[in-house]
Amino acid sequence: LDIFQTYCGMAHRFERFSWRSGQELLKKAKIEEVRPGRKLRVLRQEPTEKMPTLLLVHGSAASLTQYLPLAAALNETLGYGIVCYDWLGCGGSEKPDDWNAYAFDELLKDLIAIWQDLSWPGPYIVV
C-alpha cells in the first residue's frame, strides 16, 4: 500500500511526458569511438547530486530512441543520470560489413567500454 500511495503522490510529476517526449535529447547524442574502430551513438545525461545513473541497453535491431521518453522523464523529473547507446549496427551507430564485428563478445566489450567511461560518481545500474 505504501508503494501505491507513493506512486499516486508522484504521478502528477510525469503527466507532461508522453511517448513523444525526449526528442530534444536525440540532438545531444554523439557519435563516440568507444573502442578502436567502434563508433556508436551515445547519449549521456548527468544525474543530479546523489542520484544513480541508469545505463539503458536496448535489444537487437532496436535503437536508443525507444528510451527517449523514459530518459527525459527520469532525468528531468527525478534527476537520474541516463546513458543509452545504439549497439553497433543499430540506429545511428556504424554498420560495418564484417559479421565478426557483431559477435556477442565484441558487443559486450562495447558495453563495458561505455560503462568504464562514466565520469561522474555512481552508483550505476544496467537496465
Foldseek 3Di string as FASTA:
>chain_A
DVVVVVCVVCVVLLVVFDQPAQPVQQVQWDFDCLDVPWTKTKGKFQFDPPAAEEEEEDDPQEFCSSCRRVCCSCCVRVRHIYMYIAQACHDPTDPDPDPVCVDPVNSVVSVVSVVVPDDDDHDYHYD
